[in-house]
Amino acid sequence: MTRVRIDLFISLDGYTSTTEHAPENPMGEDWGRLTAAYAATRTFHERVFGDTSGTGTTEIDDSYAAAFFEGVGAEIMGATMFGLHSFPDDPDWKGWWGDQPPFGTPVYVLTHTAPRPSIPMKGGTTFHFRNAAIEDVLAEATEAAGGLDVRVGGGVGTARDFLRAGLVDHLHLMVAPILLGRGTRLWDGLPSLDLTHTVTTEVAESGTIHVTFAR
């Protein structure tokens, strides 16, 4: 059965995205601090950088990083995660994920600039652009997933839309042991997910707290 999954990075004080965005630093200046433990894993090195040398951590953080890539048949993301905000007027811009994005599935990009031509990439990723209700895009992604899961990749605004609509079956938070004091908060206006989902926690060697909400 297809599940809707989200994985998010979050600070101890509840911030999931940061400030000072720029084309050369699209996720904000604190993004490296939020994602340090994930970026250090062997799975991240292999799946994102194509580094098969065996470098990277292999403990609890890596087990969650590996699970992130398993069983996903389609992806949904917002325009900012794709990178449309970086070069919005460049018709040849293919996002900031490189020539071979780490998805390997159909990816549905939510954007008010759709319709736009789909962009096939190396490694099995094809970006499709949709300006429609999230329920309609989810239905299309679910069909494309062929029984596998649909992952909502973010950013936080897109994740909050799916959470607010009650569409998320599995939410995994990587809580970095840092305080940001700025950015966008995840939980404002989103109460009581703990009443509809089972909550589990696990602390990694890095100090990252992995919190899972499962319907």
Protein backbone atom coordinates (compact mmCIF):
# COMPACT_ATOMS: atom_id res chain seq x y z
CA MET A 1 0.00 0.00 0.00
CA THR A 2 1.32 3.41 -0.97
CA ARG A 3 2.24 5.68 1.92
CA VAL A 4 2.89 9.41 1.88
CA ARG A 5 6.25 10.05 3.55
CA ILE A 6 8.10 13.15 4.66
CA ASP A 7 11.61 13.49 6.06
CA LEU A 8 12.57 16.87 7.53
CA PHE A 9 15.53 18.45 9.27
CA ILE A 10 14.63 20.51 12.31
CA SER A 11 16.45 22.30 15.13
CA LEU A 12 15.81 21.86 18.85
CA ASP A 13 13.79 25.09 18.82
CA GLY A 14 11.60 23.90 15.94
CA TYR A 15 13.02 25.62 12.85
CA THR A 16 13.19 23.69 9.60
CA SER A 17 14.53 26.24 7.14
CA THR A 18 16.85 29.14 7.52
CA THR A 19 17.45 32.67 6.32
CA GLU A 20 19.83 34.41 3.92
CA HIS A 21 18.89 32.38 0.84
CA ALA A 22 20.92 33.00 -2.31
CA PRO A 23 21.36 31.24 -5.69
CA GLU A 24 24.72 29.87 -4.54
CA ASN A 25 23.26 28.90 -1.14
CA PRO A 26 19.61 28.08 -1.90
CA MET A 27 18.74 26.43 1.42
CA GLY A 28 20.06 29.23 3.64
CA GLU A 29 23.20 29.80 5.64
CA ASP A 30 22.29 27.48 8.55
CA TRP A 31 21.44 24.51 6.32
CA GLY A 32 24.85 22.89 6.81
CA ARG A 33 24.36 22.88 10.59
CA LEU A 34 20.90 21.31 10.29
CA THR A 35 22.04 18.55 7.94
CA ALA A 36 25.58 17.86 9.19
CA ALA A 37 24.86 14.40 10.62
CA TYR A 38 22.95 13.28 7.50
CA ALA A 39 25.59 14.65 5.12
CA ALA A 40 28.27 12.74 7.05
CA THR A 41 26.68 9.32 6.42
CA ARG A 42 28.01 6.73 4.03
CA THR A 43 24.61 6.54 2.35
CA PHE A 44 24.62 10.27 1.62
CA HIS A 45 28.13 10.05 0.17
CA GLU A 46 27.08 7.18 -2.10
CA ARG A 47 23.61 8.30 -3.17
CA VAL A 48 24.17 12.05 -3.51
CA PHE A 49 27.87 12.39 -4.36
CA GLY A 50 28.36 9.03 -6.07
CA ASP A 51 31.25 8.30 -3.69
CA THR A 52 31.63 4.52 -3.43
CA SER A 53 34.90 4.62 -1.47
CA GLY A 54 33.13 3.64 1.76
CA THR A 55 33.70 6.95 3.53
CA GLY A 56 31.06 8.25 5.90
CA THR A 57 29.40 7.25 9.14
CA THR A 58 27.65 3.87 9.34
CA GLU A 59 25.67 3.95 12.57
CA ILE A 60 22.14 5.09 13.48
CA ASP A 61 22.13 8.20 11.29
CA ASP A 62 23.15 6.08 8.32
CA SER A 63 20.33 3.59 8.89
CA TYR A 64 17.79 6.42 8.64
CA ALA A 65 19.58 7.85 5.61
CA ALA A 66 19.34 4.47 3.88
CA ALA A 67 15.63 4.20 4.73
CA PHE A 68 15.10 7.62 3.16
CA PHE A 69 15.88 6.15 -0.28
CA GLU A 70 14.05 2.84 0.10
CA GLY A 71 10.64 2.04 -1.39
CA VAL A 72 9.98 5.42 -3.03
CA GLY A 73 8.24 5.42 -6.42
CA ALA A 74 7.54 9.13 -6.87
CA GLU A 75 8.45 12.47 -5.29
CA ILE A 76 6.60 15.75 -4.77
CA MET A 77 8.45 18.98 -4.02
CA GLY A 78 7.88 22.71 -3.98
CA ALA A 79 9.32 25.14 -6.49
CA THR A 80 11.97 26.35 -4.05
CA MET A 81 13.32 22.85 -3.43
CA PHE A 82 13.65 22.38 -7.18
CA GLY A 83 15.37 25.75 -7.44
CA LEU A 84 12.95 27.75 -9.59
CA HIS A 85 13.56 30.78 -7.36
CA SER A 86 17.25 30.80 -8.30
CA PHE A 87 16.83 31.41 -12.03
CA PRO A 88 13.09 31.92 -12.59
CA ASP A 89 13.45 33.46 -16.06
CA ASP A 90 15.99 30.98 -17.48
CA PRO A 91 14.14 28.45 -19.70
CA ASP A 92 17.21 26.17 -19.68
CA TRP A 93 17.49 25.98 -15.88
CA LYS A 94 17.10 22.35 -14.77
CA GLY A 95 17.26 22.85 -11.02
CA TRP A 96 20.21 22.75 -8.68
CA TRP A 97 20.37 18.95 -8.33
CA GLY A 98 22.99 18.42 -11.04
CA ASP A 99 22.87 16.31 -14.19
CA GLN A 100 21.90 13.16 -12.25
CA PRO A 101 19.55 14.05 -9.38
CA PRO A 102 19.41 11.56 -6.46
CA PHE A 103 15.73 10.68 -6.92
CA GLY A 104 15.54 8.15 -9.76
CA THR A 105 11.75 8.53 -9.96
CA PRO A 106 9.15 10.89 -11.42
CA VAL A 107 9.30 14.16 -9.45
CA TYR A 108 6.28 16.49 -9.39
CA VAL A 109 7.23 20.12 -8.78
CA LEU A 110 4.46 22.35 -7.43
CA THR A 111 4.71 25.75 -9.09
CA HIS A 112 2.46 28.59 -10.20
CA THR A 113 4.63 28.86 -13.34
CA ALA A 114 3.22 25.58 -14.74
CA PRO A 115 2.56 24.44 -17.37
CA ARG A 116 6.21 23.92 -18.23
CA PRO A 117 7.79 21.12 -20.30
CA SER A 118 8.87 18.05 -18.33
CA ILE A 119 12.63 17.62 -17.91
CA PRO A 120 14.09 14.10 -18.16
CA MET A 121 17.42 13.72 -16.34
CA LYS A 122 20.06 11.03 -16.01
CA GLY A 123 19.45 8.21 -13.56
CA GLY A 124 15.69 7.90 -14.05
CA THR A 125 14.54 11.26 -12.65
CA THR A 126 12.00 13.23 -14.67
CA PHE A 127 10.78 16.56 -13.36
CA HIS A 128 7.10 17.33 -14.06
CA PHE A 129 5.63 20.74 -13.21
CA ARG A 130 2.12 21.06 -11.84
CA ASN A 131 -0.11 23.96 -10.81
CA ALA A 132 -2.96 22.05 -9.16
CA ALA A 133 -4.41 21.11 -5.78
CA ILE A 134 -2.04 18.96 -3.76
CA GLU A 135 -4.66 16.19 -3.62
CA ASP A 136 -4.69 16.03 -7.43
CA VAL A 137 -0.91 16.01 -7.69
CA LEU A 138 -0.75 13.32 -5.00
CA ALA A 139 -3.20 11.17 -6.97
CA GLU A 140 -1.02 11.46 -10.07
CA ALA A 141 2.15 10.73 -8.11
CA THR A 142 0.51 7.73 -6.41
CA GLU A 143 -0.38 6.23 -9.77
CA ALA A 144 3.16 6.84 -11.05
CA ALA A 145 4.63 5.23 -7.91
CA GLY A 146 3.16 1.86 -8.91
CA GLY A 147 2.49 0.67 -5.36
CA LEU A 148 5.63 2.18 -3.85
CA ASP A 149 5.59 5.19 -1.54
CA VAL A 150 5.26 8.85 -2.47
CA ARG A 151 7.78 11.08 -0.73
CA VAL A 152 7.01 14.74 -0.16
CA GLY A 153 10.46 16.27 -0.29
CA GLY A 154 9.75 19.79 0.89
CA GLY A 155 10.43 22.56 1.41
CA VAL A 156 8.76 23.22 4.71
CA GLY A 157 5.82 25.12 3.18
CA THR A 158 4.94 22.15 0.99
CA ALA A 159 5.38 19.75 3.91
CA ARG A 160 3.09 21.87 6.08
CA ASP A 161 0.43 21.90 3.36
CA PHE A 162 0.39 18.09 3.26
CA LEU A 163 0.40 17.81 7.05
CA ARG A 164 -2.40 20.36 7.40
CA ALA A 165 -4.48 18.39 4.88
CA GLY A 166 -4.01 15.15 6.85
CA LEU A 167 -2.32 13.40 3.93
CA VAL A 168 0.91 12.26 5.60
CA ASP A 169 1.24 8.66 6.77
CA HIS A 170 4.86 8.74 7.90
CA LEU A 171 6.82 11.77 9.13
CA HIS A 172 10.48 11.42 10.12
CA LEU A 173 12.19 14.35 11.82
CA MET A 174 15.97 14.59 12.16
CA VAL A 175 16.28 16.90 15.16
CA ALA A 176 19.74 18.44 15.14
CA PRO A 177 21.12 19.33 18.60
CA ILE A 178 21.39 23.03 17.73
CA LEU A 179 19.42 26.22 18.38
CA LEU A 180 18.74 28.51 15.41
CA GLY A 181 16.32 31.14 16.71
CA ARG A 182 15.34 32.09 13.16
CA GLY A 183 13.86 30.70 9.98
CA THR A 184 10.53 28.91 9.47
CA ARG A 185 8.92 26.89 12.24
CA LEU A 186 7.32 23.55 11.45
CA TRP A 187 4.65 23.12 14.12
CA ASP A 188 2.95 26.52 14.29
CA GLY A 189 -0.73 25.91 13.52
CA LEU A 190 -0.22 22.13 13.24
CA PRO A 191 -1.27 20.62 16.58
CA SER A 192 -2.09 17.07 17.65
CA LEU A 193 -0.23 14.90 15.13
CA ASP A 194 0.72 12.80 18.15
CA LEU A 195 -2.98 11.94 18.60
CA THR A 196 -3.35 10.44 15.11
CA HIS A 197 0.10 8.88 14.70
CA THR A 198 2.32 6.64 16.81
CA VAL A 199 5.46 8.47 17.96
CA THR A 200 8.86 6.83 18.38
CA THR A 201 12.26 8.37 19.10
CA GLU A 202 15.87 7.28 18.82
CA VAL A 203 19.05 9.19 19.63
CA ALA A 204 22.00 8.73 17.27
CA GLU A 205 25.69 8.82 18.13
CA SER A 206 25.86 12.30 16.59
CA GLY A 207 23.32 13.61 19.08
CA THR A 208 20.64 13.84 16.39
CA ILE A 209 17.21 12.79 17.67
CA HIS A 210 15.20 10.80 15.14
CA VAL A 211 11.47 11.31 15.81
CA THR A 212 8.98 9.30 13.75
CA PHE A 213 5.22 9.80 13.47
CA ALA A 214 3.55 6.79 11.83
CA ARG A 215 -0.17 6.48 11.11
